[in-house]
Protein backbone atom coordinates (compact mmCIF):
# COMPACT_ATOMS: atom_id res chain seq x y z
CA MET A 1 -53.10 66.13 8.76
CA VAL A 2 -55.10 64.87 11.74
CA ARG A 3 -54.36 66.91 14.87
CA ARG A 4 -55.11 65.76 18.39
CA ASP A 5 -54.77 67.17 21.86
CA GLN A 6 -51.64 65.92 23.63
CA ASP A 7 -53.18 65.60 27.08
CA SER A 8 -56.72 64.34 26.56
CA ILE A 9 -58.96 62.67 24.05
CA GLY A 10 -60.36 65.57 22.08
CA THR A 11 -62.39 65.99 18.93
CA VAL A 12 -61.04 64.03 15.97
CA ASP A 13 -60.82 66.08 12.79
CA ASN A 14 -61.23 64.79 9.26
CA ALA A 15 -58.21 63.05 7.75
CA TRP A 16 -55.71 65.21 5.88
CA GLU A 17 -55.64 64.92 2.10
CA PRO A 18 -52.32 65.37 0.20
CA PRO A 19 -52.16 68.50 -2.00
CA ASP A 20 -52.86 67.98 -5.71
CA HIS A 21 -49.47 69.28 -6.92
CA LEU A 22 -47.44 66.42 -5.40
CA ASP A 23 -45.95 63.60 -7.44
CA ASN A 24 -48.42 60.69 -7.70
CA SER A 25 -46.14 58.32 -5.76
CA VAL A 26 -45.60 60.85 -2.97
CA SER A 27 -49.29 61.69 -2.79
CA ARG A 28 -50.24 58.01 -2.65
CA PHE A 29 -47.69 57.33 0.12
CA LEU A 30 -48.86 60.24 2.28
CA LYS A 31 -52.48 59.31 1.77
CA HIS A 32 -51.78 55.70 2.77
CA VAL A 33 -50.08 56.85 5.97
CA SER A 34 -53.00 59.16 6.75
CA GLU A 35 -55.48 56.33 6.12
CA TYR A 36 -53.49 54.07 8.45
CA GLY A 37 -54.01 56.66 11.20
CA GLU A 38 -57.76 56.52 10.57
CA THR A 39 -58.27 52.77 10.18
CA GLY A 40 -55.21 51.00 11.59
CA LYS A 41 -54.92 49.04 8.33
CA VAL A 42 -51.85 48.93 6.09
CA PRO A 43 -52.20 49.18 2.30
CA GLU A 44 -52.72 45.93 0.43
CA MET A 45 -49.65 46.65 -1.72
CA THR A 46 -47.35 46.43 1.34
CA SER A 47 -49.26 43.94 3.50
CA HIS A 48 -46.84 41.15 2.51
CA LEU A 49 -43.98 42.86 4.36
CA GLN A 50 -43.41 41.35 7.81
CA ALA A 51 -42.84 44.73 9.45
CA SER A 52 -45.52 46.59 7.50
CA TRP A 53 -47.65 47.42 10.56
CA ALA A 54 -44.66 48.68 12.59
CA MET A 55 -43.41 50.84 9.70
CA TYR A 56 -46.73 52.60 9.03
CA ASP A 57 -47.30 53.04 12.75
CA GLU A 58 -43.97 54.85 13.16
CA LEU A 59 -44.37 56.91 9.96
CA TRP A 60 -47.86 57.99 10.97
CA LYS A 61 -46.66 59.13 14.41
CA LEU A 62 -43.86 61.20 12.86
CA LEU A 63 -46.01 62.79 10.14
CA HIS A 64 -48.82 63.42 12.60
CA GLY A 65 -46.39 65.36 14.78
CA LEU A 66 -45.61 67.95 12.08
CA ASN A 67 -47.03 71.41 12.63
CA ASN A 68 -48.40 72.01 9.12
CA VAL A 69 -48.62 70.58 5.62
CA ASP A 70 -45.65 72.62 4.42
CA GLU A 71 -43.34 70.52 6.61
CA LEU A 72 -44.25 67.30 4.79
CA PRO A 73 -41.61 65.67 2.56
CA ASN A 74 -42.81 66.55 -0.95
CA SER A 75 -40.40 65.01 -3.46
CA LEU A 76 -39.37 61.46 -4.32
CA GLU A 77 -35.91 61.98 -2.82
CA SER A 78 -37.07 63.71 0.35
CA VAL A 79 -39.71 61.04 1.06
CA SER A 80 -37.15 58.31 0.47
CA ARG A 81 -34.74 59.89 2.93
CA PHE A 82 -37.56 60.47 5.42
CA ILE A 83 -38.55 56.78 5.31
CA ILE A 84 -35.00 55.50 5.71
CA GLU A 85 -34.04 57.90 8.52
CA SER A 86 -37.30 57.24 10.36
CA LEU A 87 -37.20 53.44 10.17
CA GLN A 88 -33.53 52.45 10.22
CA LYS A 89 -33.57 52.15 14.04
CA PHE A 90 -35.88 49.12 13.70
CA LYS A 91 -33.18 47.07 11.93
CA ILE A 92 -35.57 45.95 9.14
CA ASP A 93 -33.46 46.94 6.12
CA ASP A 94 -35.03 44.45 3.69
CA ASP A 95 -38.56 45.64 4.46
CA ILE A 96 -37.48 49.29 4.17
CA THR A 97 -36.03 48.58 0.72
CA GLU A 98 -39.20 46.77 -0.36
CA LEU A 99 -41.36 49.63 0.92
CA LEU A 100 -39.40 52.08 -1.22
CA LYS A 101 -39.78 49.80 -4.25
CA CYS A 102 -43.54 49.51 -3.75
CA TYR A 103 -43.88 53.28 -4.16
CA GLU A 104 -41.08 53.50 -6.75
CA PHE A 105 -39.06 55.78 -4.47
CA PRO A 106 -35.30 56.04 -5.13
CA LEU A 107 -32.64 54.89 -2.69
CA PRO A 108 -30.60 58.04 -1.97
CA LYS A 109 -27.00 57.34 -2.89
CA THR A 110 -25.74 59.34 0.08
CA THR A 111 -27.72 57.37 2.65
CA THR A 112 -26.31 54.13 4.02
CA PHE A 113 -28.53 52.27 6.41
CA LYS A 114 -27.22 48.72 6.38
CA VAL A 115 -26.28 47.55 9.88
CA SER A 116 -24.69 44.47 11.35
CA PHE A 117 -26.65 41.79 13.19
CA ILE A 118 -25.04 42.78 16.49
CA GLU A 119 -27.30 45.16 18.42
CA THR A 120 -25.54 48.54 18.58
CA VAL A 121 -28.36 50.86 19.66
CA ASP A 122 -27.38 52.79 22.78
CA ALA A 123 -30.71 54.38 23.65
CA PRO A 124 -34.14 52.74 23.74
CA LEU A 125 -36.96 53.85 21.46
CA PHE A 126 -39.27 54.27 24.44
CA SER A 127 -39.79 53.01 27.98
CA LEU A 128 -42.76 51.66 29.92
CA ASN A 129 -43.74 51.31 33.54
CA THR A 130 -46.11 48.38 33.54
CA LEU A 131 -49.00 47.22 35.63
CA ALA A 132 -48.50 43.97 37.57
CA VAL A 133 -47.78 41.08 35.18
CA GLY A 134 -50.30 38.25 35.18
CA ASN A 135 -48.98 34.69 35.36
CA ASP A 136 -51.18 33.70 32.40
CA ASP A 137 -49.55 36.45 30.31
CA ILE A 138 -46.16 34.71 30.46
CA GLY A 139 -45.93 32.59 27.32
CA ASP A 140 -42.48 31.00 27.63
CA GLY A 141 -39.05 31.69 29.06
CA ASP A 142 -38.37 34.91 27.14
CA GLY A 143 -41.72 36.31 26.02
CA PHE A 144 -44.74 37.75 27.80
CA ILE A 145 -47.53 40.33 27.68
CA VAL A 146 -47.61 43.55 29.71
CA TRP A 147 -50.10 46.36 30.11
CA ALA A 148 -49.14 50.01 30.61
CA LYS A 149 -51.15 53.20 31.07
CA VAL A 150 -51.68 55.42 28.04
CA ASN A 151 -50.09 58.77 28.88
CA ASP A 152 -49.78 60.35 25.43
CA TYR A 153 -53.01 60.13 23.46
CA SER A 154 -51.39 61.77 20.44
CA GLN A 155 -49.76 58.38 19.80
CA VAL A 156 -53.08 56.51 19.68
CA PRO A 157 -54.42 55.88 16.14
CA VAL A 158 -57.49 57.93 15.24
CA HIS A 159 -59.86 54.99 14.82
CA ILE A 160 -59.09 53.82 18.38
CA LEU A 161 -59.53 57.35 19.76
CA MET A 162 -62.97 57.49 18.19
CA LEU A 163 -63.92 54.21 19.87
CA MET A 164 -62.68 55.56 23.21
CA GLN A 165 -64.85 58.65 22.72
CA ASP A 166 -67.86 56.44 21.95
CA PHE A 167 -67.23 54.40 25.10
CA ASN A 168 -66.96 57.55 27.24
CA GLY A 169 -70.24 58.85 25.81
CA HIS A 170 -72.12 55.60 26.46
CA GLN A 171 -70.77 55.41 30.02
CA LYS A 172 -71.88 58.96 30.85
CA LYS A 173 -75.37 58.23 29.50
CA ASN A 174 -75.51 54.92 31.43
CA LYS A 175 -75.87 52.99 28.17
CA HIS A 176 -73.86 50.13 29.60
CA HIS A 177 -74.83 47.59 26.94
CA LEU A 178 -73.48 49.82 24.16
CA ALA A 179 -70.41 50.66 26.24
CA LYS A 180 -69.69 46.94 26.63
CA ILE A 181 -69.87 46.39 22.86
CA VAL A 182 -67.50 49.29 22.16
CA ARG A 183 -65.14 48.15 24.91
CA SER A 184 -64.86 44.71 23.30
CA LYS A 185 -63.88 46.37 20.01
CA ILE A 186 -61.21 48.41 21.78
CA GLU A 187 -59.82 45.35 23.54
CA ARG A 188 -59.54 43.46 20.25
CA VAL A 189 -56.97 46.02 19.06
CA GLY A 190 -54.85 45.88 22.20
CA TYR A 191 -56.31 48.56 24.47
CA SER A 192 -58.50 48.39 27.55
CA CYS A 193 -59.93 50.68 30.21
CA LEU A 194 -59.32 51.05 33.92
CA LEU A 195 -62.58 51.40 35.79
CA SER A 196 -63.03 52.54 39.38
CA GLU A 197 -66.08 53.11 41.56
CA ASP A 198 -66.15 56.69 40.25
CA GLY A 199 -66.10 55.57 36.61
CA LEU A 200 -63.38 55.57 33.96
CA SER A 201 -59.93 56.26 35.43
CA GLY A 202 -57.82 55.82 32.31
CA TRP A 203 -56.82 53.65 29.38
CA ILE A 204 -54.13 50.99 29.13
CA ARG A 205 -52.35 49.41 26.17
CA LYS A 206 -51.10 45.87 25.69
CA TYR A 207 -47.51 45.20 24.61
CA SER A 208 -45.93 41.91 23.58
CA ILE A 209 -42.42 41.78 25.07
CA ARG A 210 -39.42 39.76 23.85
CA LEU A 211 -36.42 39.82 26.18
CA ARG A 212 -33.45 41.38 24.43
CA GLY A 213 -30.20 39.46 24.05
CA ILE A 214 -31.29 36.02 25.29
CA ASP A 215 -33.11 32.99 23.91
CA SER A 216 -34.79 30.50 26.24
CA PRO A 217 -35.46 26.86 25.37
CA GLU A 218 -38.65 26.26 23.40
CA MET A 219 -41.51 24.83 25.44
CA LYS A 220 -41.07 21.39 23.82
CA GLN A 221 -37.35 21.35 24.49
CA ASP A 222 -35.64 20.03 27.61
CA TYR A 223 -36.01 22.66 30.33
CA GLY A 224 -38.49 24.67 28.24
CA ASP A 225 -41.29 24.53 30.81
CA LYS A 226 -38.85 25.12 33.68
CA ALA A 227 -37.48 28.21 31.91
CA ARG A 228 -41.00 29.63 31.83
CA VAL A 229 -41.37 28.88 35.55
CA GLU A 230 -38.10 30.71 36.28
CA LEU A 231 -39.35 33.78 34.40
CA ALA A 232 -42.73 33.59 36.16
CA ASN A 233 -41.01 33.39 39.55
CA LEU A 234 -39.19 36.62 38.69
CA ILE A 235 -41.93 38.79 37.19
CA ALA A 236 -45.42 37.41 37.95
CA SER A 237 -47.49 39.90 39.99
CA LYS A 238 -44.66 42.46 39.68
CA CYS A 239 -44.61 45.87 38.04
CA LEU A 240 -41.73 46.18 35.57
CA THR A 241 -39.64 48.84 33.91
CA VAL A 242 -39.32 48.06 30.20
CA HIS A 243 -36.87 49.74 27.81
CA VAL A 244 -37.86 48.93 24.22
CA TYR A 245 -35.04 49.00 21.64
CA TYR A 246 -36.87 47.91 18.51
CA ILE A 247 -39.99 46.18 17.19
CA ASP A 248 -39.38 42.81 15.53
CA GLU A 249 -41.19 41.27 12.56
CA PHE A 250 -43.75 39.69 14.91
CA LYS A 251 -44.67 43.12 16.36
CA ARG A 252 -42.96 42.24 19.64
CA CYS A 253 -41.13 44.90 21.63
CA VAL A 254 -37.56 43.67 22.02
CA ALA A 255 -36.56 45.07 25.37
CA ASP A 256 -34.40 45.19 28.45
CA VAL A 257 -36.65 44.49 31.42
CA TYR A 258 -35.99 45.41 35.04
CA CYS A 259 -37.77 43.91 38.03
CA ASP A 260 -36.90 45.28 41.48
CA ASN A 261 -34.03 47.15 39.78
CA ASN A 262 -32.50 43.88 38.49
CA LEU A 263 -32.04 43.12 34.79
CA VAL A 264 -34.28 40.11 34.14
CA GLN A 265 -32.12 38.72 31.30
CA LYS A 266 -29.05 38.68 33.54
CA THR A 267 -30.90 36.77 36.28
CA LEU A 268 -32.22 34.20 33.79
CA LEU A 269 -28.75 33.61 32.37
CA GLU A 270 -27.33 33.18 35.89
CA LYS A 271 -29.98 30.56 36.62
CA GLY A 272 -29.25 28.70 33.37
CA ALA A 273 -32.76 29.43 32.09
CA ALA A 274 -31.62 30.93 28.77
CA TRP A 275 -28.86 31.14 26.22
CA HIS A 276 -27.05 34.37 25.48
CA TYR A 277 -28.08 35.32 21.92
CA LYS A 278 -24.60 36.34 20.77
CA LEU A 279 -25.65 36.83 17.15
CA TYR A 280 -27.68 39.87 18.21
CA ASP A 281 -26.09 40.94 21.47
CA SER A 282 -22.47 41.46 22.53
CA ARG A 283 -22.85 42.74 26.10
CA GLU A 284 -19.99 41.46 28.23
CA GLU A 285 -22.07 41.17 31.40
CA LEU A 286 -24.39 38.70 29.68
CA VAL A 287 -21.44 36.72 28.29
CA LYS A 288 -20.07 36.30 31.84
CA CYS A 289 -23.46 35.24 33.27
CA GLU A 290 -23.83 32.46 30.71
CA LEU A 291 -20.26 31.24 31.21
CA LEU A 292 -20.75 31.05 34.98
CA ALA A 293 -24.02 29.09 34.68
CA LYS A 294 -22.40 26.72 32.18
CA LYS A 295 -19.42 26.19 34.48
CA ASN A 296 -21.68 25.42 37.45
CA LYS A 297 -23.99 23.20 35.33
CA VAL A 298 -27.16 24.91 36.53
CA GLY A 299 -30.49 24.97 34.75
CA LEU A 300 -30.36 23.84 31.13
CA TRP A 301 -26.60 23.26 31.46
CA ALA A 302 -27.30 20.27 33.73
CA TYR A 303 -28.43 18.35 30.65
CA PRO A 304 -25.75 16.37 28.77
CA ASN A 305 -26.12 17.98 25.34
CA PRO A 306 -28.33 21.10 25.48
CA MET A 307 -29.34 22.33 22.03
CA PRO A 308 -29.65 26.06 21.36
CA PRO A 309 -33.29 26.94 20.63
CA TRP A 310 -32.44 28.51 17.26
CA GLU A 311 -30.94 25.19 16.14
CA TRP A 312 -33.86 23.23 17.60
CA LYS A 313 -36.33 25.37 15.65
CA ARG A 314 -34.52 24.66 12.38
CA SER A 315 -34.83 20.92 13.08
CA ASN A 316 -38.43 21.22 14.27
CA PRO A 317 -40.23 23.70 11.99
CA ARG A 318 -43.80 24.62 12.92
């Protein structure tokens, strides 16, 4: 298995190869996960799954964290359980089932991982402290891009680490043209560097954020552009605290977001800039915020017959 230093970008070893004695399906699965860590590409056989990238990314991180090869799941049943237990927090049951079928892994009869649509996760997967949000990075009323410093390089895929090493080497040798080429490659996969007068001061990663529990009007709907303005007024040029609960099928981090210690979703609902997405969220505080805005006819509720964005999208497919 590839091993990397936790605190700095160190030497990248050769990719781990599964032992010969493993079942063919198990060996193929482990090799695919290892190759994902090297290249960032998912196998062709699973590329049709919407959450394929998120699944391999999580599996690679978990397998990479094992201390030695003996800790790897090594039977059809153990790999199946490992996949289900590792991925069930993402709420992508259909894709998990299809992943198991692609490798002909069994579904353990003792493992139940079906969940309801209502979000029941108590703890976030991870949290971020972001850099200041750019106004141009705010796409609509409930989605935007943030950048955060990379603190744990063990979570960075190997192929990106190698590019970072190349960039560092070119910078030290004042080969700025080559450094610029490598930097553009790094930025295409969602990372960038922080440069100071003294040189490289660190690396940052881009995250696509989807606000958890609300749904703002689409940009072509009534109040769609104003909803984006309301979000921009709240977060533009601000540093945020982001608690990510799961990754959706579009690789967005579905998250609770705090700005100046205030929950952004709550503020947007109070202003009538979003609907409470009750199908996926049952928090009472958000229910009350929407009811109050509706009662006071503020924001989108000032319109005579506001249409929920999920209904509008069904009537106006892309």
